[in-house]
C-alpha atoms as a PDB file:
ATOM      1  CA  MET A   1     -11.713  -6.731  -9.351  1.00  0.00           C
ATOM      2  CA  GLY A   2     -11.561  -4.909  -6.972  1.00  0.00           C
ATOM      3  CA  GLN A   3     -13.627  -2.173  -4.649  1.00  0.00           C
ATOM      4  CA  ARG A   4     -13.914   0.310  -2.173  1.00  0.00           C
ATOM      5  CA  GLN A   5     -16.847   1.007  -0.012  1.00  0.00           C
ATOM      6  CA  LYS A   6     -17.747   2.520   2.967  1.00  0.00           C
ATOM      7  CA  VAL A   7     -18.043   1.347   5.930  1.00  0.00           C
ATOM      8  CA  GLU A   8     -20.675   3.340   9.064  1.00  0.00           C
ATOM      9  CA  CYS A   9     -21.108   3.302  12.247  1.00  0.00           C
ATOM     10  CA  ALA A  10     -23.801   5.291  14.406  1.00  0.00           C
ATOM     11  CA  CYS A  11     -21.184   6.936  16.441  1.00  0.00           C
ATOM     12  CA  GLY A  12     -19.916   9.418  13.618  1.00  0.00           C
ATOM     13  CA  TYR A  13     -17.372   7.378  12.701  1.00  0.00           C
ATOM     14  CA  ARG A  14     -17.239   6.996   8.840  1.00  0.00           C
ATOM     15  CA  SER A  15     -14.207   5.488   6.496  1.00  0.00           C
ATOM     16  CA  SER A  16     -13.930   3.545   3.757  1.00  0.00           C
ATOM     17  CA  VAL A  17     -11.450  -0.171   2.628  1.00  0.00           C
ATOM     18  CA  THR A  18     -10.578  -2.077   0.276  1.00  0.00           C
ATOM     19  CA  ILE A  19     -11.198  -5.268  -1.166  1.00  0.00           C
ATOM     20  CA  GLY A  20      -9.801  -7.605  -3.904  1.00  0.00           C
ATOM     21  CA  GLY A  21      -7.636  -7.045  -5.327  1.00  0.00           C
ATOM     22  CA  GLY A  22      -6.861  -5.633  -9.559  1.00  0.00           C
ATOM     23  CA  MET A  23      -5.665  -8.186 -12.285  1.00  0.00           C
ATOM     24  CA  ARG A  24      -2.656  -7.967 -12.415  1.00  0.00           C
ATOM     25  CA  ASP A  25      -1.313  -8.428  -9.037  1.00  0.00           C
ATOM     26  CA  PHE A  26      -4.111  -9.857  -7.482  1.00  0.00           C
ATOM     27  CA  GLN A  27      -2.778 -12.875  -6.442  1.00  0.00           C
ATOM     28  CA  THR A  28      -0.507 -12.309  -4.673  1.00  0.00           C
ATOM     29  CA  ASP A  29      -1.591  -8.530  -2.894  1.00  0.00           C
ATOM     30  CA  SER A  30      -5.629  -8.715  -2.218  1.00  0.00           C
ATOM     31  CA  ARG A  31      -7.028  -6.143  -0.055  1.00  0.00           C
ATOM     32  CA  PHE A  32      -9.413  -7.949   2.681  1.00  0.00           C
ATOM     33  CA  PRO A  33     -10.817  -5.420   6.642  1.00  0.00           C
ATOM     34  CA  HIS A  34      -9.468  -6.683   9.456  1.00  0.00           C
ATOM     35  CA  TYR A  35      -9.186  -4.977  12.671  1.00  0.00           C
ATOM     36  CA  CYS A  36      -5.464  -4.026  14.660  1.00  0.00           C
ATOM     37  CA  LYS A  37      -6.202  -3.392  18.362  1.00  0.00           C
ATOM     38  CA  THR A  38      -3.449  -0.198  18.143  1.00  0.00           C
ATOM     39  CA  CYS A  39      -4.285   1.057  14.629  1.00  0.00           C
ATOM     40  CA  GLY A  40      -8.772  -0.030  14.322  1.00  0.00           C
ATOM     41  CA  LEU A  41     -10.314  -0.921  10.890  1.00  0.00           C
ATOM     42  CA  VAL A  42      -6.962  -1.230   8.465  1.00  0.00           C
ATOM     43  CA  ASP A  43      -7.048  -3.511   4.730  1.00  0.00           C
ATOM     44  CA  VAL A  44      -4.803  -6.173   4.804  1.00  0.00           C
ATOM     45  CA  ASN A  45      -3.153  -7.613   2.372  1.00  0.00           C
ATOM     46  CA  VAL A  46      -5.007 -11.460   2.893  1.00  0.00           C
ATOM     47  CA  GLN A  47      -2.104 -13.166   0.138  1.00  0.00           C
ATOM     48  CA  ALA A  48       0.939 -12.486   2.371  1.00  0.00           C
ATOM     49  CA  THR A  49       1.897 -14.655   5.129  1.00  0.00           C
ATOM     50  CA  PRO A  50       1.660 -13.933   7.703  1.00  0.00           C
ATOM     51  CA  LEU A  51      -0.767 -11.719   7.706  1.00  0.00           C
ATOM     52  CA  GLN A  52       0.367  -8.113   9.849  1.00  0.00           C
ATOM     53  CA  CYS A  53      -1.028  -4.420  10.290  1.00  0.00           C
ATOM     54  CA  PRO A  54      -0.261  -2.237   7.174  1.00  0.00           C
ATOM     55  CA  HIS A  55       0.747   0.424   9.603  1.00  0.00           C
ATOM     56  CA  CYS A  56       2.271  -1.143  12.411  1.00  0.00           C
ATOM     57  CA  GLN A  57       3.311  -4.342  10.824  1.00  0.00           C
ATOM     58  CA  SER A  58       1.592  -6.138  14.127  1.00  0.00           C
ATOM     59  CA  GLN A  59       0.085  -9.994  13.415  1.00  0.00           C
ATOM     60  CA  ASP A  60      -2.778  -9.252  16.135  1.00  0.00           C
ATOM     61  CA  VAL A  61      -5.616  -8.760  13.557  1.00  0.00           C
ATOM     62  CA  ALA A  62      -9.000  -9.931  13.440  1.00  0.00           C
ATOM     63  CA  GLN A  63     -10.244  -9.930  10.272  1.00  0.00           C
ATOM     64  CA  TYR A  64     -14.220  -9.173   9.509  1.00  0.00           C
ATOM     65  CA  GLY A  65     -16.499 -11.373   8.711  1.00  0.00           C
ATOM     66  CA  LEU A  66     -15.343 -13.492  11.915  1.00  0.00           C
ATOM     67  CA  PRO A  67     -16.125 -13.640  15.002  1.00  0.00           C
ATOM     68  CA  PRO A  68     -14.798 -11.795  17.641  1.00  0.00           C
ATOM     69  CA  VAL A  69     -14.829  -8.524  15.310  1.00  0.00           C
ATOM     70  CA  SER A  70     -18.129  -9.588  13.435  1.00  0.00           C
ATOM     71  CA  LEU A  71     -21.885 -11.137  14.868  1.00  0.00           C
ATOM     72  CA  PRO A  72     -22.143 -14.391  12.514  1.00  0.00           C
ATOM     73  CA  GLY A  73     -25.136 -13.331  10.676  1.00  0.00           C
ATOM     74  CA  GLU A  74     -26.803 -16.194   8.595  1.00  0.00           C
ATOM     75  CA  GLY A  75     -28.866 -14.842   5.480  1.00  0.00           C
ATOM     76  CA  ARG A  76     -27.906 -11.402   6.190  1.00  0.00           C
ATOM     77  CA  PRO A  77     -26.380  -9.118   2.994  1.00  0.00           C
ATOM     78  CA  SER A  78     -22.383  -9.548   2.250  1.00  0.00           C
ATOM     79  CA  VAL A  79     -19.451  -8.622   0.374  1.00  0.00           C
ATOM     80  CA  GLN A  80     -17.047 -11.689  -0.195  1.00  0.00           C
ATOM     81  CA  TRP A  81     -13.961 -11.335  -1.970  1.00  0.00           C
ATOM     82  CA  GLY A  82     -12.012 -15.373  -2.240  1.00  0.00           C
ATOM     83  CA  LYS A  83     -12.159 -17.175   0.577  1.00  0.00           C
ATOM     84  CA  CYS A  84     -13.342 -14.124   2.797  1.00  0.00           C
ATOM     85  CA  GLU A  85     -16.618 -12.590   3.383  1.00  0.00           C
ATOM     86  CA  VAL A  86     -18.251 -10.240   6.178  1.00  0.00           C
ATOM     87  CA  HIS A  87     -21.501  -8.999   6.910  1.00  0.00           C
ATOM     88  CA  ARG A  88     -22.419  -5.984   5.999  1.00  0.00           C
ATOM     89  CA  THR A  89     -24.355  -5.152   9.735  1.00  0.00           C
ATOM     90  CA  GLY A  90     -23.103  -6.069  12.558  1.00  0.00           C
ATOM     91  CA  ASN A  91     -19.480  -5.786  12.965  1.00  0.00           C
ATOM     92  CA  LEU A  92     -17.389  -3.607  15.289  1.00  0.00           C
ATOM     93  CA  CYS A  93     -17.003   0.042  15.427  1.00  0.00           C
ATOM     94  CA  PRO A  94     -13.250   0.309  15.788  1.00  0.00           C
ATOM     95  CA  GLN A  95     -14.661   4.441  17.642  1.00  0.00           C
ATOM     96  CA  CYS A  96     -17.508   3.103  19.767  1.00  0.00           C
ATOM     97  CA  LYS A  97     -16.541  -0.914  20.606  1.00  0.00           C
ATOM     98  CA  GLN A  98     -20.058  -1.742  20.106  1.00  0.00           C
ATOM     99  CA  MET A  99     -21.157  -3.770  16.587  1.00  0.00           C
ATOM    100  CA  THR A 100     -22.314  -0.991  15.232  1.00  0.00           C
ATOM    101  CA  LEU A 101     -20.276  -0.914  11.746  1.00  0.00           C
ATOM    102  CA  GLU A 102     -21.542  -1.333   8.050  1.00  0.00           C
ATOM    103  CA  PHE A 103     -20.426  -2.229   5.207  1.00  0.00           C
ATOM    104  CA  LYS A 104     -22.238   0.150   2.441  1.00  0.00           C
ATOM    105  CA  GLU A 105     -21.917   0.466  -0.952  1.00  0.00           C
ATOM    106  CA  ILE A 106     -19.382   0.343  -3.159  1.00  0.00           C
ATOM    107  CA  THR A 107     -18.557   3.855  -3.913  1.00  0.00           C
ATOM    108  CA  MET A 108     -15.459   2.735  -7.013  1.00  0.00           C
ATOM    109  CA  MET A 109     -14.272  -0.542  -8.498  1.00  0.00           C
ATOM    110  CA  PHE A 110     -10.752  -1.254 -10.068  1.00  0.00           C
ATOM    111  CA  ASP A 111      -9.140  -3.659 -11.762  1.00  0.00           C
END
């Protein structure tokens, strides 16, 4: 089951991301937030090879939850999908470039 989550930063940046996939296509289309140097926060299909930005097709994307776009976060609450995991706090904001982006509550679930 997939979900939409709010993301927010103290600088005023607000957006939402898709995590996971639907019941019918999760094995070929599962999304997880990544950082694209050109486009910022994007939902990348983690089932595709190679991983690439859905907007500019750049393969220069970094998964949220891993350095350099997320701080280590042992013991902090996190969001998971398969082998991908991102902690709710300590993530790179695409607007202010500080590690202050937070993954907030689920706004919608789908399957």
